[in-house]
Amino acid sequence: MAKRSFAVIGLGRFGSAISTTLAELGHDVIGVDGSDERVRALADVLTLAVQLDATDEKALLKAGIKDVDVAVVSIGENIESSLLVVTLLREIGIKNIIAKAVTPLHGRILDKLGVSRVVFPERETAIRLAHSLVNPNVLDYIELSSEFSIVDVPAPADFAGKTLKEISLRSRFGLTTIAIKRGSRTTDGPVTNIAPGPDDVVQEGDVLSLLGSNERLGQLDRMLKAKK
């Protein structure tokens, strides 16, 4: 994975989690917030943590924001500041901007300002939780569109010892196995097999990441429930 540089503006719960994770993944991260307490909490984690007013263009430039590959604007509480910061980043020349929105209107305005992606952290978390409550077999859920999703499901016991070809999820359900997640028996931690081939064998305790239509995923969920 190529090393990239990020700026995270707003170090609340969302911004702190994003910036910390990016740093742990080995990337350069500039964290910006108006709170000295938040900045000090991440000073030893991030490449640079700076207390400043993010609506001050000169202060942003002095912090080196202009040189980052991606800017994440995680200011949600003050919508006016969020929009102003996004406008400043666009004027500075940052092309890849991810912005947090707290309302649909906020999101629409961010879209019109030309951000690369708008995220609704609370809504997305709520959707994932709802799916896990309705479908107990689903460990994780990512909505790609209104019709297609990615879900993580524990491999049924009768899948163990069989290859993906033998299980035939594609022909039976129209689902694509995009990853097999396996708990490691060593201290190295879990192992993820990305884009497994037809001859890869599913083992007991594996978690399958499946891509498909919501209708087909629902069919699989009903089958798993019937086996219990």
C-alpha atoms as a PDB file:
ATOM      1  CA  MET A   1       0.000   0.000   0.000  1.00  0.00           C
ATOM      2  CA  ALA A   2       1.448   3.335  -1.076  1.00  0.00           C
ATOM      3  CA  LYS A   3       1.935   5.880   1.683  1.00  0.00           C
ATOM      4  CA  ARG A   4      -0.426   8.840   1.365  1.00  0.00           C
ATOM      5  CA  SER A   5      -0.950  12.115   3.185  1.00  0.00           C
ATOM      6  CA  PHE A   6      -4.212  13.187   4.808  1.00  0.00           C
ATOM      7  CA  ALA A   7      -5.598  16.179   6.631  1.00  0.00           C
ATOM      8  CA  VAL A   8      -8.420  15.615   9.101  1.00  0.00           C
ATOM      9  CA  ILE A   9     -10.160  18.830  10.085  1.00  0.00           C
ATOM     10  CA  GLY A  10     -12.242  18.429  13.202  1.00  0.00           C
ATOM     11  CA  LEU A  11     -10.989  15.957  15.817  1.00  0.00           C
ATOM     12  CA  GLY A  12     -14.205  14.985  17.543  1.00  0.00           C
ATOM     13  CA  ARG A  13     -15.176  11.310  17.863  1.00  0.00           C
ATOM     14  CA  PHE A  14     -15.458  10.777  14.102  1.00  0.00           C
ATOM     15  CA  GLY A  15     -12.381  12.809  13.153  1.00  0.00           C
ATOM     16  CA  SER A  16     -10.307  11.295  15.944  1.00  0.00           C
ATOM     17  CA  ALA A  17     -11.209   7.754  14.867  1.00  0.00           C
ATOM     18  CA  ILE A  18     -10.462   8.500  11.200  1.00  0.00           C
ATOM     19  CA  SER A  19      -7.122  10.204  11.874  1.00  0.00           C
ATOM     20  CA  THR A  20      -5.943   7.578  14.370  1.00  0.00           C
ATOM     21  CA  THR A  21      -6.796   4.713  12.018  1.00  0.00           C
ATOM     22  CA  LEU A  22      -5.035   6.372   9.080  1.00  0.00           C
ATOM     23  CA  ALA A  23      -1.938   6.916  11.226  1.00  0.00           C
ATOM     24  CA  GLU A  24      -1.995   3.303  12.417  1.00  0.00           C
ATOM     25  CA  LEU A  25      -2.118   2.214   8.773  1.00  0.00           C
ATOM     26  CA  GLY A  26       1.179   4.038   8.212  1.00  0.00           C
ATOM     27  CA  HIS A  27       0.024   7.217   6.481  1.00  0.00           C
ATOM     28  CA  ASP A  28       0.973  10.836   7.206  1.00  0.00           C
ATOM     29  CA  VAL A  29      -1.865  12.648   8.951  1.00  0.00           C
ATOM     30  CA  ILE A  30      -2.270  16.316   9.827  1.00  0.00           C
ATOM     31  CA  GLY A  31      -4.963  16.746  12.462  1.00  0.00           C
ATOM     32  CA  VAL A  32      -6.602  20.139  12.908  1.00  0.00           C
ATOM     33  CA  ASP A  33      -9.000  21.310  15.609  1.00  0.00           C
ATOM     34  CA  GLY A  34      -9.836  24.444  17.535  1.00  0.00           C
ATOM     35  CA  SER A  35      -9.640  22.578  20.837  1.00  0.00           C
ATOM     36  CA  ASP A  36      -6.236  22.419  22.482  1.00  0.00           C
ATOM     37  CA  GLU A  37      -7.368  19.396  24.508  1.00  0.00           C
ATOM     38  CA  ARG A  38      -8.270  17.369  21.399  1.00  0.00           C
ATOM     39  CA  VAL A  39      -5.037  18.344  19.678  1.00  0.00           C
ATOM     40  CA  ARG A  40      -2.897  17.357  22.666  1.00  0.00           C
ATOM     41  CA  ALA A  41      -4.684  13.999  22.907  1.00  0.00           C
ATOM     42  CA  LEU A  42      -3.496  13.086  19.400  1.00  0.00           C
ATOM     43  CA  ALA A  43      -0.140  14.874  19.343  1.00  0.00           C
ATOM     44  CA  ASP A  44       1.831  11.657  19.812  1.00  0.00           C
ATOM     45  CA  VAL A  45      -0.292   9.675  17.347  1.00  0.00           C
ATOM     46  CA  LEU A  46      -0.466  11.876  14.258  1.00  0.00           C
ATOM     47  CA  THR A  47       2.300  13.242  12.061  1.00  0.00           C
ATOM     48  CA  LEU A  48       1.210  16.735  13.058  1.00  0.00           C
ATOM     49  CA  ALA A  49      -1.621  17.891  15.315  1.00  0.00           C
ATOM     50  CA  VAL A  50      -2.383  21.618  15.159  1.00  0.00           C
ATOM     51  CA  GLN A  51      -4.730  23.874  17.069  1.00  0.00           C
ATOM     52  CA  LEU A  52      -6.091  26.524  14.735  1.00  0.00           C
ATOM     53  CA  ASP A  53      -9.217  28.091  13.310  1.00  0.00           C
ATOM     54  CA  ALA A  54      -9.928  25.959  10.226  1.00  0.00           C
ATOM     55  CA  THR A  55     -11.773  28.866   8.598  1.00  0.00           C
ATOM     56  CA  ASP A  56      -8.485  30.818   8.533  1.00  0.00           C
ATOM     57  CA  GLU A  57      -6.941  30.160   5.109  1.00  0.00           C
ATOM     58  CA  LYS A  58      -3.492  31.451   6.100  1.00  0.00           C
ATOM     59  CA  ALA A  59      -3.425  29.156   9.140  1.00  0.00           C
ATOM     60  CA  LEU A  60      -4.389  26.146   6.991  1.00  0.00           C
ATOM     61  CA  LEU A  61      -1.648  26.896   4.489  1.00  0.00           C
ATOM     62  CA  LYS A  62       0.923  27.340   7.262  1.00  0.00           C
ATOM     63  CA  ALA A  63      -0.027  23.884   8.613  1.00  0.00           C
ATOM     64  CA  GLY A  64       0.801  22.325   5.230  1.00  0.00           C
ATOM     65  CA  ILE A  65      -2.755  21.428   4.262  1.00  0.00           C
ATOM     66  CA  LYS A  66      -2.140  22.345   0.626  1.00  0.00           C
ATOM     67  CA  ASP A  67       0.195  19.385   0.128  1.00  0.00           C
ATOM     68  CA  VAL A  68      -2.068  16.545   1.318  1.00  0.00           C
ATOM     69  CA  ASP A  69      -3.606  13.957  -0.997  1.00  0.00           C
ATOM     70  CA  VAL A  70      -6.970  13.878   0.781  1.00  0.00           C
ATOM     71  CA  ALA A  71      -8.726  16.219   3.194  1.00  0.00           C
ATOM     72  CA  VAL A  72     -11.430  14.941   5.534  1.00  0.00           C
ATOM     73  CA  VAL A  73     -13.754  17.608   6.910  1.00  0.00           C
ATOM     74  CA  SER A  74     -15.365  16.147  10.021  1.00  0.00           C
ATOM     75  CA  ILE A  75     -16.980  19.329  11.305  1.00  0.00           C
ATOM     76  CA  GLY A  76     -20.612  18.422  11.790  1.00  0.00           C
ATOM     77  CA  GLU A  77     -21.974  20.517  14.607  1.00  0.00           C
ATOM     78  CA  ASN A  78     -21.333  23.883  12.927  1.00  0.00           C
ATOM     79  CA  ILE A  79     -22.691  23.538   9.403  1.00  0.00           C
ATOM     80  CA  GLU A  80     -21.617  27.045   8.409  1.00  0.00           C
ATOM     81  CA  SER A  81     -18.004  26.302   9.383  1.00  0.00           C
ATOM     82  CA  SER A  82     -18.135  22.977   7.553  1.00  0.00           C
ATOM     83  CA  LEU A  83     -19.221  24.637   4.321  1.00  0.00           C
ATOM     84  CA  LEU A  84     -16.691  27.454   4.673  1.00  0.00           C
ATOM     85  CA  VAL A  85     -13.819  25.029   5.292  1.00  0.00           C
ATOM     86  CA  VAL A  86     -14.790  22.945   2.257  1.00  0.00           C
ATOM     87  CA  THR A  87     -14.889  26.115   0.139  1.00  0.00           C
ATOM     88  CA  LEU A  88     -11.426  27.128   1.388  1.00  0.00           C
ATOM     89  CA  LEU A  89      -9.999  23.682   0.651  1.00  0.00           C
ATOM     90  CA  ARG A  90     -11.392  23.828  -2.887  1.00  0.00           C
ATOM     91  CA  GLU A  91      -9.841  27.263  -3.388  1.00  0.00           C
ATOM     92  CA  ILE A  92      -6.508  26.045  -2.001  1.00  0.00           C
ATOM     93  CA  GLY A  93      -6.544  23.369  -4.690  1.00  0.00           C
ATOM     94  CA  ILE A  94      -7.288  20.138  -2.831  1.00  0.00           C
ATOM     95  CA  LYS A  95      -9.220  17.938  -5.232  1.00  0.00           C
ATOM     96  CA  ASN A  96     -10.083  14.974  -3.025  1.00  0.00           C
ATOM     97  CA  ILE A  97     -12.291  16.147  -0.147  1.00  0.00           C
ATOM     98  CA  ILE A  98     -14.378  13.872   2.056  1.00  0.00           C
ATOM     99  CA  ALA A  99     -16.933  15.701   4.182  1.00  0.00           C
ATOM    100  CA  LYS A 100     -19.138  14.665   7.084  1.00  0.00           C
ATOM    101  CA  ALA A 101     -22.775  15.767   6.910  1.00  0.00           C
ATOM    102  CA  VAL A 102     -25.309  15.855   9.725  1.00  0.00           C
ATOM    103  CA  THR A 103     -28.497  16.536   7.750  1.00  0.00           C
ATOM    104  CA  PRO A 104     -29.706  15.738   4.215  1.00  0.00           C
ATOM    105  CA  LEU A 105     -29.659  19.460   3.351  1.00  0.00           C
ATOM    106  CA  HIS A 106     -26.084  19.745   4.625  1.00  0.00           C
ATOM    107  CA  GLY A 107     -25.180  16.786   2.416  1.00  0.00           C
ATOM    108  CA  ARG A 108     -26.821  18.283  -0.670  1.00  0.00           C
ATOM    109  CA  ILE A 109     -24.952  21.555  -0.222  1.00  0.00           C
ATOM    110  CA  LEU A 110     -21.662  19.695   0.194  1.00  0.00           C
ATOM    111  CA  ASP A 111     -22.418  17.838  -3.034  1.00  0.00           C
ATOM    112  CA  LYS A 112     -22.991  21.135  -4.831  1.00  0.00           C
ATOM    113  CA  LEU A 113     -19.664  22.406  -3.493  1.00  0.00           C
ATOM    114  CA  GLY A 114     -17.990  19.539  -5.332  1.00  0.00           C
ATOM    115  CA  VAL A 115     -16.712  17.299  -2.543  1.00  0.00           C
ATOM    116  CA  SER A 116     -15.582  13.835  -3.593  1.00  0.00           C
ATOM    117  CA  ARG A 117     -17.752  12.044  -1.044  1.00  0.00           C
ATOM    118  CA  VAL A 118     -20.313  12.938   1.610  1.00  0.00           C
ATOM    119  CA  VAL A 119     -20.598  10.647   4.624  1.00  0.00           C
ATOM    120  CA  PHE A 120     -23.372  10.409   7.227  1.00  0.00           C
ATOM    121  CA  PRO A 121     -21.659   8.506  10.067  1.00  0.00           C
ATOM    122  CA  GLU A 122     -24.680   8.237  12.362  1.00  0.00           C
ATOM    123  CA  ARG A 123     -27.069   7.216   9.578  1.00  0.00           C
ATOM    124  CA  GLU A 124     -24.648   4.648   8.179  1.00  0.00           C
ATOM    125  CA  THR A 125     -24.072   3.184  11.639  1.00  0.00           C
ATOM    126  CA  ALA A 126     -27.828   3.045  12.230  1.00  0.00           C
ATOM    127  CA  ILE A 127     -28.404   1.238   8.912  1.00  0.00           C
ATOM    128  CA  ARG A 128     -25.742  -1.346   9.711  1.00  0.00           C
ATOM    129  CA  LEU A 129     -27.163  -1.899  13.196  1.00  0.00           C
ATOM    130  CA  ALA A 130     -30.698  -2.290  11.832  1.00  0.00           C
ATOM    131  CA  HIS A 131     -29.565  -4.934   9.374  1.00  0.00           C
ATOM    132  CA  SER A 132     -27.707  -6.836  12.086  1.00  0.00           C
ATOM    133  CA  LEU A 133     -30.847  -6.792  14.260  1.00  0.00           C
ATOM    134  CA  VAL A 134     -33.127  -8.015  11.486  1.00  0.00           C
ATOM    135  CA  ASN A 135     -30.606 -10.537  10.132  1.00  0.00           C
ATOM    136  CA  PRO A 136     -28.727 -12.110  13.071  1.00  0.00           C
ATOM    137  CA  ASN A 137     -26.538 -14.065  10.645  1.00  0.00           C
ATOM    138  CA  VAL A 138     -25.072 -10.815   9.295  1.00  0.00           C
ATOM    139  CA  LEU A 139     -21.949  -9.743  11.195  1.00  0.00           C
ATOM    140  CA  ASP A 140     -21.354  -6.611   9.142  1.00  0.00           C
ATOM    141  CA  TYR A 141     -23.180  -4.775   6.383  1.00  0.00           C
ATOM    142  CA  ILE A 142     -22.097  -2.222   3.776  1.00  0.00           C
ATOM    143  CA  GLU A 143     -24.727  -0.648   1.546  1.00  0.00           C
ATOM    144  CA  LEU A 144     -23.399  -0.041  -1.971  1.00  0.00           C
ATOM    145  CA  SER A 145     -26.697   1.148  -3.412  1.00  0.00           C
ATOM    146  CA  SER A 146     -30.414   0.691  -2.825  1.00  0.00           C
ATOM    147  CA  GLU A 147     -30.155  -2.721  -4.501  1.00  0.00           C
ATOM    148  CA  PHE A 148     -26.664  -4.084  -3.776  1.00  0.00           C
ATOM    149  CA  SER A 149     -24.689  -4.671  -0.568  1.00  0.00           C
ATOM    150  CA  ILE A 150     -21.713  -6.437   0.949  1.00  0.00           C
ATOM    151  CA  VAL A 151     -22.316  -8.572   4.028  1.00  0.00           C
ATOM    152  CA  ASP A 152     -20.091 -10.592   6.335  1.00  0.00           C
ATOM    153  CA  VAL A 153     -21.634 -13.910   7.389  1.00  0.00           C
ATOM    154  CA  PRO A 154     -20.172 -16.817   9.371  1.00  0.00           C
ATOM    155  CA  ALA A 155     -19.618 -19.798   7.099  1.00  0.00           C
ATOM    156  CA  PRO A 156     -22.257 -22.493   7.816  1.00  0.00           C
ATOM    157  CA  ALA A 157     -20.917 -25.724   9.302  1.00  0.00           C
ATOM    158  CA  ASP A 158     -21.661 -27.676   6.116  1.00  0.00           C
ATOM    159  CA  PHE A 159     -19.411 -25.297   4.097  1.00  0.00           C
ATOM    160  CA  ALA A 160     -16.337 -26.413   6.077  1.00  0.00           C
ATOM    161  CA  GLY A 161     -13.896 -28.466   4.040  1.00  0.00           C
ATOM    162  CA  LYS A 162     -15.464 -27.497   0.722  1.00  0.00           C
ATOM    163  CA  THR A 163     -14.083 -25.299  -2.022  1.00  0.00           C
ATOM    164  CA  LEU A 164     -15.929 -22.198  -3.193  1.00  0.00           C
ATOM    165  CA  LYS A 165     -16.603 -24.039  -6.435  1.00  0.00           C
ATOM    166  CA  GLU A 166     -18.286 -26.853  -4.541  1.00  0.00           C
ATOM    167  CA  ILE A 167     -20.337 -24.442  -2.445  1.00  0.00           C
ATOM    168  CA  SER A 168     -21.464 -22.672  -5.655  1.00  0.00           C
ATOM    169  CA  LEU A 169     -22.763 -19.474  -4.087  1.00  0.00           C
ATOM    170  CA  ARG A 170     -22.641 -17.721  -7.446  1.00  0.00           C
ATOM    171  CA  SER A 171     -24.776 -20.267  -9.298  1.00  0.00           C
ATOM    172  CA  ARG A 172     -27.115 -20.938  -6.358  1.00  0.00           C
ATOM    173  CA  PHE A 173     -27.627 -17.411  -5.106  1.00  0.00           C
ATOM    174  CA  GLY A 174     -25.907 -15.062  -7.555  1.00  0.00           C
ATOM    175  CA  LEU A 175     -23.454 -14.014  -4.848  1.00  0.00           C
ATOM    176  CA  THR A 176     -19.748 -13.303  -5.220  1.00  0.00           C
ATOM    177  CA  THR A 177     -17.337 -14.216  -2.423  1.00  0.00           C
ATOM    178  CA  ILE A 178     -14.964 -11.250  -2.286  1.00  0.00           C
ATOM    179  CA  ALA A 179     -13.046 -12.317   0.821  1.00  0.00           C
ATOM    180  CA  ILE A 180     -12.599 -15.109   3.343  1.00  0.00           C
ATOM    181  CA  LYS A 181     -11.698 -13.930   6.852  1.00  0.00           C
ATOM    182  CA  ARG A 182     -10.022 -16.475   9.079  1.00  0.00           C
ATOM    183  CA  GLY A 183      -8.910 -16.285  12.675  1.00  0.00           C
ATOM    184  CA  SER A 184      -5.186 -16.972  12.868  1.00  0.00           C
ATOM    185  CA  ARG A 185      -3.852 -19.748  15.075  1.00  0.00           C
ATOM    186  CA  THR A 186      -0.692 -17.698  15.547  1.00  0.00           C
ATOM    187  CA  THR A 187      -0.007 -14.363  17.203  1.00  0.00           C
ATOM    188  CA  ASP A 188      -0.131 -12.588  13.833  1.00  0.00           C
ATOM    189  CA  GLY A 189      -3.879 -12.027  14.111  1.00  0.00           C
ATOM    190  CA  PRO A 190      -6.708 -12.720  11.656  1.00  0.00           C
ATOM    191  CA  VAL A 191      -5.946 -13.468   8.008  1.00  0.00           C
ATOM    192  CA  THR A 192      -8.052 -12.150   5.137  1.00  0.00           C
ATOM    193  CA  ASN A 193      -7.980 -13.850   1.742  1.00  0.00           C
ATOM    194  CA  ILE A 194      -8.994 -11.123  -0.726  1.00  0.00           C
ATOM    195  CA  ALA A 195     -10.593 -12.252  -4.012  1.00  0.00           C
ATOM    196  CA  PRO A 196     -10.377 -15.993  -3.251  1.00  0.00           C
ATOM    197  CA  GLY A 197     -10.343 -18.438  -6.158  1.00  0.00           C
ATOM    198  CA  PRO A 198     -12.768 -21.298  -6.855  1.00  0.00           C
ATOM    199  CA  ASP A 199     -10.361 -23.853  -5.382  1.00  0.00           C
ATOM    200  CA  ASP A 200      -9.930 -22.056  -2.045  1.00  0.00           C
ATOM    201  CA  VAL A 201     -11.288 -24.147   0.810  1.00  0.00           C
ATOM    202  CA  VAL A 202     -13.614 -22.779   3.477  1.00  0.00           C
ATOM    203  CA  GLN A 203     -12.693 -23.777   7.019  1.00  0.00           C
ATOM    204  CA  GLU A 204     -14.733 -24.005  10.196  1.00  0.00           C
ATOM    205  CA  GLY A 205     -15.014 -20.576  11.822  1.00  0.00           C
ATOM    206  CA  ASP A 206     -14.397 -18.626   8.605  1.00  0.00           C
ATOM    207  CA  VAL A 207     -16.327 -15.448   7.842  1.00  0.00           C
ATOM    208  CA  LEU A 208     -17.376 -14.902   4.222  1.00  0.00           C
ATOM    209  CA  SER A 209     -17.647 -11.423   2.693  1.00  0.00           C
ATOM    210  CA  LEU A 210     -20.350 -11.660   0.050  1.00  0.00           C
ATOM    211  CA  LEU A 211     -21.365  -9.186  -2.663  1.00  0.00           C
ATOM    212  CA  GLY A 212     -24.761  -9.349  -4.273  1.00  0.00           C
ATOM    213  CA  SER A 213     -28.252  -7.969  -4.626  1.00  0.00           C
ATOM    214  CA  ASN A 214     -30.240  -7.458  -1.444  1.00  0.00           C
ATOM    215  CA  GLU A 215     -32.823  -9.911  -2.744  1.00  0.00           C
ATOM    216  CA  ARG A 216     -30.237 -12.669  -3.217  1.00  0.00           C
ATOM    217  CA  LEU A 217     -28.573 -11.909   0.104  1.00  0.00           C
ATOM    218  CA  GLY A 218     -31.980 -12.245   1.715  1.00  0.00           C
ATOM    219  CA  GLN A 219     -32.412 -15.672   0.131  1.00  0.00           C
ATOM    220  CA  LEU A 220     -29.129 -16.810   1.638  1.00  0.00           C
ATOM    221  CA  ASP A 221     -30.092 -15.409   5.037  1.00  0.00           C
ATOM    222  CA  ARG A 222     -33.354 -17.368   4.964  1.00  0.00           C
ATOM    223  CA  MET A 223     -31.443 -20.521   4.097  1.00  0.00           C
ATOM    224  CA  LEU A 224     -29.049 -19.997   7.014  1.00  0.00           C
ATOM    225  CA  LYS A 225     -31.940 -19.417   9.401  1.00  0.00           C
ATOM    226  CA  ALA A 226     -33.642 -22.618   8.210  1.00  0.00           C
ATOM    227  CA  LYS A 227     -30.517 -24.608   9.059  1.00  0.00           C
ATOM    228  CA  LYS A 228     -30.561 -23.498  12.686  1.00  0.00           C
END
